[in-house]
All heavy atoms as atom14 arrays in JSON, in Angstrom:
{
  "sequence": "CKPDESKYWFDQLWQNTVDLFRSLDIPVRTLECCSGDLADLKVKSVDV",
  "atom14_mask": [
    [1, 1, 1, 1, 1, 1, 0, 0, 0, 0, 0, 0, 0, 0],
    [1, 1, 1, 1, 1, 1, 1, 1, 1, 0, 0, 0, 0, 0],
    [1, 1, 1, 1, 1, 1, 1, 0, 0, 0, 0, 0, 0, 0],
    [1, 1, 1, 1, 1, 1, 1, 1, 0, 0, 0, 0, 0, 0],
    [1, 1, 1, 1, 1, 1, 1, 1, 1, 0, 0, 0, 0, 0],
    [1, 1, 1, 1, 1, 1, 0, 0, 0, 0, 0, 0, 0, 0],
    [1, 1, 1, 1, 1, 1, 1, 1, 1, 0, 0, 0, 0, 0],
    [1, 1, 1, 1, 1, 1, 1, 1, 1, 1, 1, 1, 0, 0],
    [1, 1, 1, 1, 1, 1, 1, 1, 1, 1, 1, 1, 1, 1],
    [1, 1, 1, 1, 1, 1, 1, 1, 1, 1, 1, 0, 0, 0],
    [1, 1, 1, 1, 1, 1, 1, 1, 0, 0, 0, 0, 0, 0],
    [1, 1, 1, 1, 1, 1, 1, 1, 1, 0, 0, 0, 0, 0],
    [1, 1, 1, 1, 1, 1, 1, 1, 0, 0, 0, 0, 0, 0],
    [1, 1, 1, 1, 1, 1, 1, 1, 1, 1, 1, 1, 1, 1],
    [1, 1, 1, 1, 1, 1, 1, 1, 1, 0, 0, 0, 0, 0],
    [1, 1, 1, 1, 1, 1, 1, 1, 0, 0, 0, 0, 0, 0],
    [1, 1, 1, 1, 1, 1, 1, 0, 0, 0, 0, 0, 0, 0],
    [1, 1, 1, 1, 1, 1, 1, 0, 0, 0, 0, 0, 0, 0],
    [1, 1, 1, 1, 1, 1, 1, 1, 0, 0, 0, 0, 0, 0],
    [1, 1, 1, 1, 1, 1, 1, 1, 0, 0, 0, 0, 0, 0],
    [1, 1, 1, 1, 1, 1, 1, 1, 1, 1, 1, 0, 0, 0],
    [1, 1, 1, 1, 1, 1, 1, 1, 1, 1, 1, 0, 0, 0],
    [1, 1, 1, 1, 1, 1, 0, 0, 0, 0, 0, 0, 0, 0],
    [1, 1, 1, 1, 1, 1, 1, 1, 0, 0, 0, 0, 0, 0],
    [1, 1, 1, 1, 1, 1, 1, 1, 0, 0, 0, 0, 0, 0],
    [1, 1, 1, 1, 1, 1, 1, 1, 0, 0, 0, 0, 0, 0],
    [1, 1, 1, 1, 1, 1, 1, 0, 0, 0, 0, 0, 0, 0],
    [1, 1, 1, 1, 1, 1, 1, 0, 0, 0, 0, 0, 0, 0],
    [1, 1, 1, 1, 1, 1, 1, 1, 1, 1, 1, 0, 0, 0],
    [1, 1, 1, 1, 1, 1, 1, 0, 0, 0, 0, 0, 0, 0],
    [1, 1, 1, 1, 1, 1, 1, 1, 0, 0, 0, 0, 0, 0],
    [1, 1, 1, 1, 1, 1, 1, 1, 1, 0, 0, 0, 0, 0],
    [1, 1, 1, 1, 1, 1, 0, 0, 0, 0, 0, 0, 0, 0],
    [1, 1, 1, 1, 1, 1, 0, 0, 0, 0, 0, 0, 0, 0],
    [1, 1, 1, 1, 1, 1, 0, 0, 0, 0, 0, 0, 0, 0],
    [1, 1, 1, 1, 0, 0, 0, 0, 0, 0, 0, 0, 0, 0],
    [1, 1, 1, 1, 1, 1, 1, 1, 0, 0, 0, 0, 0, 0],
    [1, 1, 1, 1, 1, 1, 1, 1, 0, 0, 0, 0, 0, 0],
    [1, 1, 1, 1, 1, 0, 0, 0, 0, 0, 0, 0, 0, 0],
    [1, 1, 1, 1, 1, 1, 1, 1, 0, 0, 0, 0, 0, 0],
    [1, 1, 1, 1, 1, 1, 1, 1, 0, 0, 0, 0, 0, 0],
    [1, 1, 1, 1, 1, 1, 1, 1, 1, 0, 0, 0, 0, 0],
    [1, 1, 1, 1, 1, 1, 1, 0, 0, 0, 0, 0, 0, 0],
    [1, 1, 1, 1, 1, 1, 1, 1, 1, 0, 0, 0, 0, 0],
    [1, 1, 1, 1, 1, 1, 0, 0, 0, 0, 0, 0, 0, 0],
    [1, 1, 1, 1, 1, 1, 1, 0, 0, 0, 0, 0, 0, 0],
    [1, 1, 1, 1, 1, 1, 1, 1, 0, 0, 0, 0, 0, 0],
    [1, 1, 1, 1, 1, 1, 1, 0, 0, 0, 0, 0, 0, 0]
  ],
  "atom14_positions": [
    [[119.13, 196.71, 128.32], [117.82, 197.36, 128.26], [116.77, 196.59, 129.05], [117.03, 195.51, 129.58], [117.37, 197.5, 126.8], [117.06, 195.93, 125.96], [0.0, 0.0, 0.0], [0.0, 0.0, 0.0], [0.0, 0.0, 0.0], [0.0, 0.0, 0.0], [0.0, 0.0, 0.0], [0.0, 0.0, 0.0], [0.0, 0.0, 0.0], [0.0, 0.0, 0.0]],
    [[115.56, 197.16, 129.09], [114.42, 196.48, 129.7], [113.97, 195.33, 128.79], [114.1, 195.42, 127.56], [113.27, 197.47, 129.92], [113.59, 198.57, 130.93], [112.38, 199.44, 131.23], [112.03, 200.33, 130.08], [110.93, 201.29, 130.42], [0.0, 0.0, 0.0], [0.0, 0.0, 0.0], [0.0, 0.0, 0.0], [0.0, 0.0, 0.0], [0.0, 0.0, 0.0]],
    [[113.41, 194.27, 129.38], [113.01, 193.11, 128.57], [112.06, 193.44, 127.42], [112.2, 192.88, 126.33], [112.32, 192.2, 129.6], [113.0, 192.54, 130.9], [113.27, 194.01, 130.83], [0.0, 0.0, 0.0], [0.0, 0.0, 0.0], [0.0, 0.0, 0.0], [0.0, 0.0, 0.0], [0.0, 0.0, 0.0], [0.0, 0.0, 0.0], [0.0, 0.0, 0.0]],
    [[111.14, 194.36, 127.63], [110.17, 194.66, 126.57], [110.75, 195.53, 125.45], [110.06, 195.82, 124.47], [108.91, 195.31, 127.15], [109.2, 196.64, 127.86], [110.39, 197.02, 127.97], [108.24, 197.3, 128.32], [0.0, 0.0, 0.0], [0.0, 0.0, 0.0], [0.0, 0.0, 0.0], [0.0, 0.0, 0.0], [0.0, 0.0, 0.0], [0.0, 0.0, 0.0]],
    [[112.04, 195.92, 125.57], [112.68, 196.74, 124.55], [113.73, 195.99, 123.74], [114.28, 196.54, 122.78], [113.32, 197.98, 125.19], [112.32, 198.96, 125.81], [113.0, 200.16, 126.44], [114.24, 200.13, 126.62], [112.27, 201.13, 126.76], [0.0, 0.0, 0.0], [0.0, 0.0, 0.0], [0.0, 0.0, 0.0], [0.0, 0.0, 0.0], [0.0, 0.0, 0.0]],
    [[114.02, 194.74, 124.1], [115.14, 194.05, 123.46], [114.87, 193.71, 121.99], [115.79, 193.73, 121.17], [115.54, 192.8, 124.25], [114.54, 191.81, 124.26], [0.0, 0.0, 0.0], [0.0, 0.0, 0.0], [0.0, 0.0, 0.0], [0.0, 0.0, 0.0], [0.0, 0.0, 0.0], [0.0, 0.0, 0.0], [0.0, 0.0, 0.0], [0.0, 0.0, 0.0]],
    [[113.62, 193.41, 121.63], [113.31, 193.14, 120.23], [113.53, 194.39, 119.38], [114.04, 194.31, 118.26], [111.87, 192.63, 120.08], [111.69, 191.2, 120.59], [110.3, 190.67, 120.28], [110.17, 189.21, 120.74], [108.82, 188.65, 120.42], [0.0, 0.0, 0.0], [0.0, 0.0, 0.0], [0.0, 0.0, 0.0], [0.0, 0.0, 0.0], [0.0, 0.0, 0.0]],
    [[113.14, 195.53, 119.89], [113.36, 196.79, 119.18], [114.84, 197.04, 118.97], [115.27, 197.36, 117.85], [112.73, 197.95, 119.96], [113.21, 199.31, 119.49], [112.66, 199.93, 118.38], [114.23, 199.98, 120.18], [113.1, 201.18, 117.95], [114.68, 201.22, 119.75], [114.12, 201.81, 118.64], [114.57, 203.04, 118.21], [0.0, 0.0, 0.0], [0.0, 0.0, 0.0]],
    [[115.63, 196.88, 120.02], [117.06, 197.15, 119.92], [117.78, 196.14, 119.03], [118.76, 196.48, 118.36], [117.7, 197.21, 121.3], [117.47, 198.56, 121.93], [116.65, 198.87, 122.97], [118.06, 199.79, 121.5], [116.68, 200.2, 123.22], [117.54, 200.8, 122.33], [118.96, 200.14, 120.5], [117.91, 202.14, 122.19], [119.33, 201.46, 120.35], [118.81, 202.45, 121.18]],
    [[117.29, 194.92, 119.0], [117.87, 193.92, 118.11], [117.83, 194.41, 116.65], [118.83, 194.36, 115.94], [117.12, 192.6, 118.26], [117.61, 191.51, 117.35], [118.79, 190.82, 117.62], [116.88, 191.14, 116.23], [119.24, 189.81, 116.79], [117.32, 190.13, 115.39], [118.5, 189.47, 115.68], [0.0, 0.0, 0.0], [0.0, 0.0, 0.0], [0.0, 0.0, 0.0]],
    [[116.69, 194.89, 116.22], [116.55, 195.39, 114.85], [117.38, 196.65, 114.62], [117.93, 196.87, 113.54], [115.09, 195.66, 114.53], [114.27, 194.38, 114.41], [114.85, 193.32, 114.1], [113.04, 194.44, 114.64], [0.0, 0.0, 0.0], [0.0, 0.0, 0.0], [0.0, 0.0, 0.0], [0.0, 0.0, 0.0], [0.0, 0.0, 0.0], [0.0, 0.0, 0.0]],
    [[117.48, 197.51, 115.64], [118.29, 198.71, 115.5], [119.77, 198.37, 115.33], [120.48, 199.01, 114.54], [118.12, 199.61, 116.74], [116.73, 200.23, 116.88], [116.37, 201.13, 115.75], [117.08, 202.08, 115.42], [115.26, 200.82, 115.1], [0.0, 0.0, 0.0], [0.0, 0.0, 0.0], [0.0, 0.0, 0.0], [0.0, 0.0, 0.0], [0.0, 0.0, 0.0]],
    [[120.24, 197.37, 116.05], [121.66, 197.03, 116.04], [122.12, 196.51, 114.68], [123.11, 196.99, 114.12], [121.97, 196.02, 117.14], [121.86, 196.51, 118.59], [122.4, 195.47, 119.56], [122.58, 197.83, 118.8], [0.0, 0.0, 0.0], [0.0, 0.0, 0.0], [0.0, 0.0, 0.0], [0.0, 0.0, 0.0], [0.0, 0.0, 0.0], [0.0, 0.0, 0.0]],
    [[121.41, 195.5, 114.15], [121.88, 194.97, 112.86], [121.71, 195.99, 111.74], [122.5, 196.03, 110.8], [121.23, 193.63, 112.5], [119.76, 193.58, 112.28], [118.82, 193.08, 113.12], [119.03, 194.03, 111.1], [117.55, 193.19, 112.57], [117.67, 193.75, 111.33], [119.4, 194.61, 109.9], [116.68, 194.06, 110.4], [118.42, 194.93, 108.96], [117.09, 194.66, 109.22]],
    [[120.69, 196.85, 111.87], [120.5, 197.9, 110.87], [121.67, 198.88, 110.86], [122.06, 199.39, 109.8], [119.19, 198.64, 111.12], [118.81, 199.62, 110.0], [118.48, 198.93, 108.7], [117.61, 198.06, 108.65], [119.18, 199.3, 107.62], [0.0, 0.0, 0.0], [0.0, 0.0, 0.0], [0.0, 0.0, 0.0], [0.0, 0.0, 0.0], [0.0, 0.0, 0.0]],
    [[122.24, 199.15, 112.03], [123.42, 200.02, 112.11], [124.56, 199.49, 111.25], [125.23, 200.25, 110.54], [123.88, 200.16, 113.56], [122.99, 201.06, 114.39], [122.29, 201.92, 113.86], [123.02, 200.87, 115.7], [0.0, 0.0, 0.0], [0.0, 0.0, 0.0], [0.0, 0.0, 0.0], [0.0, 0.0, 0.0], [0.0, 0.0, 0.0], [0.0, 0.0, 0.0]],
    [[124.79, 198.18, 111.33], [125.87, 197.57, 110.54], [125.58, 197.66, 109.05], [126.47, 197.97, 108.25], [126.08, 196.11, 110.97], [126.36, 196.04, 112.36], [127.24, 195.47, 110.2], [0.0, 0.0, 0.0], [0.0, 0.0, 0.0], [0.0, 0.0, 0.0], [0.0, 0.0, 0.0], [0.0, 0.0, 0.0], [0.0, 0.0, 0.0], [0.0, 0.0, 0.0]],
    [[124.36, 197.36, 108.68], [123.96, 197.47, 107.28], [124.2, 198.89, 106.78], [124.79, 199.11, 105.71], [122.48, 197.07, 107.09], [121.99, 197.46, 105.69], [122.29, 195.58, 107.33], [0.0, 0.0, 0.0], [0.0, 0.0, 0.0], [0.0, 0.0, 0.0], [0.0, 0.0, 0.0], [0.0, 0.0, 0.0], [0.0, 0.0, 0.0], [0.0, 0.0, 0.0]],
    [[123.76, 199.88, 107.55], [123.89, 201.28, 107.15], [125.35, 201.7, 107.02], [125.72, 202.45, 106.1], [123.18, 202.19, 108.15], [121.66, 202.02, 108.12], [121.15, 201.38, 107.18], [121.0, 202.5, 109.07], [0.0, 0.0, 0.0], [0.0, 0.0, 0.0], [0.0, 0.0, 0.0], [0.0, 0.0, 0.0], [0.0, 0.0, 0.0], [0.0, 0.0, 0.0]],
    [[126.2, 201.22, 107.94], [127.62, 201.57, 107.87], [128.26, 201.03, 106.6], [128.98, 201.74, 105.89], [128.36, 201.05, 109.11], [129.86, 201.39, 109.12], [130.28, 201.9, 110.48], [130.73, 200.2, 108.75], [0.0, 0.0, 0.0], [0.0, 0.0, 0.0], [0.0, 0.0, 0.0], [0.0, 0.0, 0.0], [0.0, 0.0, 0.0], [0.0, 0.0, 0.0]],
    [[128.01, 199.76, 106.29], [128.6, 199.17, 105.09], [128.07, 199.83, 103.82], [128.82, 200.07, 102.87], [128.34, 197.66, 105.06], [129.38, 196.87, 105.78], [129.35, 196.75, 107.15], [130.41, 196.23, 105.11], [130.32, 196.03, 107.83], [131.38, 195.51, 105.78], [131.34, 195.41, 107.16], [0.0, 0.0, 0.0], [0.0, 0.0, 0.0], [0.0, 0.0, 0.0]],
    [[126.8, 200.17, 103.81], [126.25, 200.83, 102.64], [126.82, 202.25, 102.48], [126.97, 202.73, 101.36], [124.72, 200.9, 102.73], [124.04, 199.56, 102.63], [124.38, 198.83, 101.31], [123.97, 199.62, 100.15], [124.76, 199.88, 99.11], [125.99, 199.4, 99.07], [124.3, 200.62, 98.11], [0.0, 0.0, 0.0], [0.0, 0.0, 0.0], [0.0, 0.0, 0.0]],
    [[127.15, 202.91, 103.6], [127.77, 204.23, 103.51], [129.16, 204.15, 102.9], [129.69, 205.16, 102.42], [127.83, 204.89, 104.89], [128.84, 204.29, 105.72], [0.0, 0.0, 0.0], [0.0, 0.0, 0.0], [0.0, 0.0, 0.0], [0.0, 0.0, 0.0], [0.0, 0.0, 0.0], [0.0, 0.0, 0.0], [0.0, 0.0, 0.0], [0.0, 0.0, 0.0]],
    [[129.75, 202.96, 102.91], [131.06, 202.72, 102.3], [130.92, 202.05, 100.93], [131.91, 201.53, 100.39], [131.92, 201.86, 103.23], [132.3, 202.5, 104.57], [132.93, 201.47, 105.51], [133.24, 203.67, 104.36], [0.0, 0.0, 0.0], [0.0, 0.0, 0.0], [0.0, 0.0, 0.0], [0.0, 0.0, 0.0], [0.0, 0.0, 0.0], [0.0, 0.0, 0.0]],
    [[129.71, 202.04, 100.4], [129.42, 201.49, 99.07], [129.76, 200.0, 98.96], [130.27, 199.55, 97.93], [130.18, 202.28, 97.99], [129.75, 203.74, 97.92], [128.56, 204.02, 98.14], [130.63, 204.61, 97.69], [0.0, 0.0, 0.0], [0.0, 0.0, 0.0], [0.0, 0.0, 0.0], [0.0, 0.0, 0.0], [0.0, 0.0, 0.0], [0.0, 0.0, 0.0]],
    [[129.48, 199.28, 100.01], [129.69, 197.83, 100.01], [128.33, 197.14, 100.09], [127.6, 197.34, 101.07], [130.59, 197.39, 101.18], [131.96, 198.04, 101.07], [130.72, 195.86, 101.21], [132.85, 197.8, 102.29], [0.0, 0.0, 0.0], [0.0, 0.0, 0.0], [0.0, 0.0, 0.0], [0.0, 0.0, 0.0], [0.0, 0.0, 0.0], [0.0, 0.0, 0.0]],
    [[127.93, 196.35, 99.09], [126.66, 195.62, 99.14], [126.68, 194.57, 100.25], [127.7, 193.9, 100.46], [126.57, 194.96, 97.76], [127.53, 195.73, 96.89], [128.63, 196.15, 97.8], [0.0, 0.0, 0.0], [0.0, 0.0, 0.0], [0.0, 0.0, 0.0], [0.0, 0.0, 0.0], [0.0, 0.0, 0.0], [0.0, 0.0, 0.0], [0.0, 0.0, 0.0]],
    [[125.57, 194.43, 100.95], [125.47, 193.45, 102.04], [124.12, 192.75, 101.99], [123.2, 193.18, 101.27], [125.65, 194.1, 103.43], [127.06, 194.64, 103.6], [124.61, 195.2, 103.66], [0.0, 0.0, 0.0], [0.0, 0.0, 0.0], [0.0, 0.0, 0.0], [0.0, 0.0, 0.0], [0.0, 0.0, 0.0], [0.0, 0.0, 0.0], [0.0, 0.0, 0.0]],
    [[124.01, 191.69, 102.75], [122.73, 191.04, 102.97], [122.64, 190.61, 104.43], [123.66, 190.49, 105.11], [122.55, 189.83, 102.05], [123.45, 188.64, 102.37], [123.06, 187.42, 101.56], [123.9, 186.25, 101.88], [123.71, 185.03, 101.42], [122.72, 184.78, 100.58], [124.51, 184.04, 101.78], [0.0, 0.0, 0.0], [0.0, 0.0, 0.0], [0.0, 0.0, 0.0]],
    [[121.42, 190.37, 104.88], [121.2, 189.86, 106.23], [120.69, 188.43, 106.16], [119.92, 188.07, 105.27], [120.19, 190.73, 107.01], [119.0, 190.9, 106.23], [120.8, 192.09, 107.32], [0.0, 0.0, 0.0], [0.0, 0.0, 0.0], [0.0, 0.0, 0.0], [0.0, 0.0, 0.0], [0.0, 0.0, 0.0], [0.0, 0.0, 0.0], [0.0, 0.0, 0.0]],
    [[121.15, 187.63, 107.11], [120.75, 186.23, 107.21], [120.19, 185.96, 108.6], [120.79, 186.36, 109.61], [121.95, 185.29, 107.0], [122.56, 185.15, 105.6], [123.75, 184.22, 105.67], [121.53, 184.63, 104.62], [0.0, 0.0, 0.0], [0.0, 0.0, 0.0], [0.0, 0.0, 0.0], [0.0, 0.0, 0.0], [0.0, 0.0, 0.0], [0.0, 0.0, 0.0]],
    [[119.05, 185.28, 108.67], [118.5, 184.82, 109.93], [119.21, 183.52, 110.3], [119.19, 182.55, 109.54], [117.01, 184.58, 109.81], [116.34, 184.08, 111.08], [115.99, 185.17, 112.06], [115.68, 186.29, 111.6], [116.0, 184.92, 113.26], [0.0, 0.0, 0.0], [0.0, 0.0, 0.0], [0.0, 0.0, 0.0], [0.0, 0.0, 0.0], [0.0, 0.0, 0.0]],
    [[119.89, 183.51, 111.45], [120.61, 182.31, 111.87], [119.64, 181.23, 112.32], [118.71, 181.5, 113.09], [121.58, 182.64, 113.0], [122.91, 183.77, 112.51], [0.0, 0.0, 0.0], [0.0, 0.0, 0.0], [0.0, 0.0, 0.0], [0.0, 0.0, 0.0], [0.0, 0.0, 0.0], [0.0, 0.0, 0.0], [0.0, 0.0, 0.0], [0.0, 0.0, 0.0]],
    [[119.86, 180.02, 111.86], [118.98, 178.91, 112.22], [119.3, 178.41, 113.63], [120.32, 178.78, 114.24], [119.09, 177.79, 111.2], [120.64, 176.87, 111.24], [0.0, 0.0, 0.0], [0.0, 0.0, 0.0], [0.0, 0.0, 0.0], [0.0, 0.0, 0.0], [0.0, 0.0, 0.0], [0.0, 0.0, 0.0], [0.0, 0.0, 0.0], [0.0, 0.0, 0.0]],
    [[118.46, 177.53, 114.15], [118.56, 177.06, 115.53], [119.9, 176.41, 115.84], [120.5, 176.63, 116.89], [117.42, 176.09, 115.83], [117.44, 174.98, 114.91], [0.0, 0.0, 0.0], [0.0, 0.0, 0.0], [0.0, 0.0, 0.0], [0.0, 0.0, 0.0], [0.0, 0.0, 0.0], [0.0, 0.0, 0.0], [0.0, 0.0, 0.0], [0.0, 0.0, 0.0]],
    [[120.41, 175.6, 114.89], [121.66, 174.89, 115.13], [122.89, 175.76, 115.06], [123.98, 175.35, 115.47], [0.0, 0.0, 0.0], [0.0, 0.0, 0.0], [0.0, 0.0, 0.0], [0.0, 0.0, 0.0], [0.0, 0.0, 0.0], [0.0, 0.0, 0.0], [0.0, 0.0, 0.0], [0.0, 0.0, 0.0], [0.0, 0.0, 0.0], [0.0, 0.0, 0.0]],
    [[122.74, 177.0, 114.54], [123.86, 177.93, 114.41], [123.92, 178.9, 115.57], [124.83, 179.73, 115.64], [123.76, 178.69, 113.08], [125.03, 179.46, 112.74], [126.12, 178.95, 113.05], [124.93, 180.57, 112.15], [0.0, 0.0, 0.0], [0.0, 0.0, 0.0], [0.0, 0.0, 0.0], [0.0, 0.0, 0.0], [0.0, 0.0, 0.0], [0.0, 0.0, 0.0]],
    [[122.95, 178.83, 116.48], [122.91, 179.73, 117.62], [123.71, 179.17, 118.79], [123.52, 178.03, 119.19], [121.47, 179.96, 118.08], [120.54, 180.78, 117.16], [119.16, 180.86, 117.78], [121.09, 182.16, 116.93], [0.0, 0.0, 0.0], [0.0, 0.0, 0.0], [0.0, 0.0, 0.0], [0.0, 0.0, 0.0], [0.0, 0.0, 0.0], [0.0, 0.0, 0.0]],
    [[124.61, 179.99, 119.34], [125.28, 179.62, 120.58], [124.24, 179.49, 121.69], [123.15, 180.07, 121.61], [126.34, 180.65, 120.95], [0.0, 0.0, 0.0], [0.0, 0.0, 0.0], [0.0, 0.0, 0.0], [0.0, 0.0, 0.0], [0.0, 0.0, 0.0], [0.0, 0.0, 0.0], [0.0, 0.0, 0.0], [0.0, 0.0, 0.0], [0.0, 0.0, 0.0]],
    [[124.57, 178.76, 122.76], [123.58, 178.38, 123.76], [122.89, 179.55, 124.45], [121.74, 179.44, 124.87], [124.23, 177.48, 124.82], [124.4, 176.05, 124.33], [123.92, 175.74, 123.22], [124.99, 175.24, 125.06], [0.0, 0.0, 0.0], [0.0, 0.0, 0.0], [0.0, 0.0, 0.0], [0.0, 0.0, 0.0], [0.0, 0.0, 0.0], [0.0, 0.0, 0.0]],
    [[123.56, 180.67, 124.6], [122.97, 181.79, 125.31], [122.08, 182.65, 124.41], [121.3, 183.45, 124.91], [124.05, 182.68, 125.94], [124.54, 182.26, 127.35], [125.36, 180.99, 127.25], [125.39, 183.37, 127.96], [0.0, 0.0, 0.0], [0.0, 0.0, 0.0], [0.0, 0.0, 0.0], [0.0, 0.0, 0.0], [0.0, 0.0, 0.0], [0.0, 0.0, 0.0]],
    [[122.16, 182.45, 123.11], [121.46, 183.33, 122.17], [120.02, 182.87, 121.92], [119.74, 181.7, 121.75], [122.23, 183.39, 120.84], [123.63, 183.99, 120.98], [124.37, 184.0, 119.65], [125.76, 184.6, 119.82], [126.5, 184.63, 118.53], [0.0, 0.0, 0.0], [0.0, 0.0, 0.0], [0.0, 0.0, 0.0], [0.0, 0.0, 0.0], [0.0, 0.0, 0.0]],
    [[119.14, 183.87, 121.87], [117.73, 183.62, 121.57], [117.46, 183.82, 120.08], [116.64, 183.11, 119.49], [116.85, 184.58, 122.4], [115.4, 184.58, 121.91], [116.89, 184.18, 123.87], [0.0, 0.0, 0.0], [0.0, 0.0, 0.0], [0.0, 0.0, 0.0], [0.0, 0.0, 0.0], [0.0, 0.0, 0.0], [0.0, 0.0, 0.0], [0.0, 0.0, 0.0]],
    [[118.2, 184.76, 119.49], [117.99, 185.09, 118.09], [119.24, 185.81, 117.58], [119.84, 186.62, 118.28], [116.76, 186.0, 117.94], [116.32, 186.33, 116.5], [115.06, 187.19, 116.52], [114.62, 187.62, 115.13], [114.1, 186.46, 114.33], [0.0, 0.0, 0.0], [0.0, 0.0, 0.0], [0.0, 0.0, 0.0], [0.0, 0.0, 0.0], [0.0, 0.0, 0.0]],
    [[119.64, 185.52, 116.33], [120.81, 186.17, 115.73], [120.56, 186.46, 114.25], [119.9, 185.68, 113.56], [122.08, 185.3, 115.85], [122.63, 185.37, 117.14], [0.0, 0.0, 0.0], [0.0, 0.0, 0.0], [0.0, 0.0, 0.0], [0.0, 0.0, 0.0], [0.0, 0.0, 0.0], [0.0, 0.0, 0.0], [0.0, 0.0, 0.0], [0.0, 0.0, 0.0]],
    [[121.13, 187.56, 113.82], [121.16, 187.92, 112.4], [122.61, 188.18, 112.01], [123.3, 188.95, 112.68], [120.3, 189.17, 112.1], [120.65, 189.76, 110.73], [118.82, 188.82, 112.14], [0.0, 0.0, 0.0], [0.0, 0.0, 0.0], [0.0, 0.0, 0.0], [0.0, 0.0, 0.0], [0.0, 0.0, 0.0], [0.0, 0.0, 0.0], [0.0, 0.0, 0.0]],
    [[123.07, 187.5, 110.97], [124.41, 187.76, 110.43], [124.31, 188.79, 109.31], [123.35, 188.78, 108.52], [125.03, 186.48, 109.87], [125.54, 185.55, 110.95], [125.62, 185.98, 112.12], [125.87, 184.38, 110.63], [0.0, 0.0, 0.0], [0.0, 0.0, 0.0], [0.0, 0.0, 0.0], [0.0, 0.0, 0.0], [0.0, 0.0, 0.0], [0.0, 0.0, 0.0]],
    [[125.31, 189.66, 109.25], [125.45, 190.57, 108.12], [126.6, 190.06, 107.27], [127.7, 189.83, 107.76], [125.71, 192.02, 108.59], [125.94, 192.93, 107.37], [124.55, 192.54, 109.43], [0.0, 0.0, 0.0], [0.0, 0.0, 0.0], [0.0, 0.0, 0.0], [0.0, 0.0, 0.0], [0.0, 0.0, 0.0], [0.0, 0.0, 0.0], [0.0, 0.0, 0.0]]
  ]
}
């Protein structure tokens, strides 16, 4: 995507995973990955 749209798509992507698991009746949570857990190329990560 365009640079000014990547923050929007980031939130859309992890939400897709949350929605899929909830559609299968599986409880989930989201975690904000800390700086030391990020691979070198990553700016921001959320684990489901």
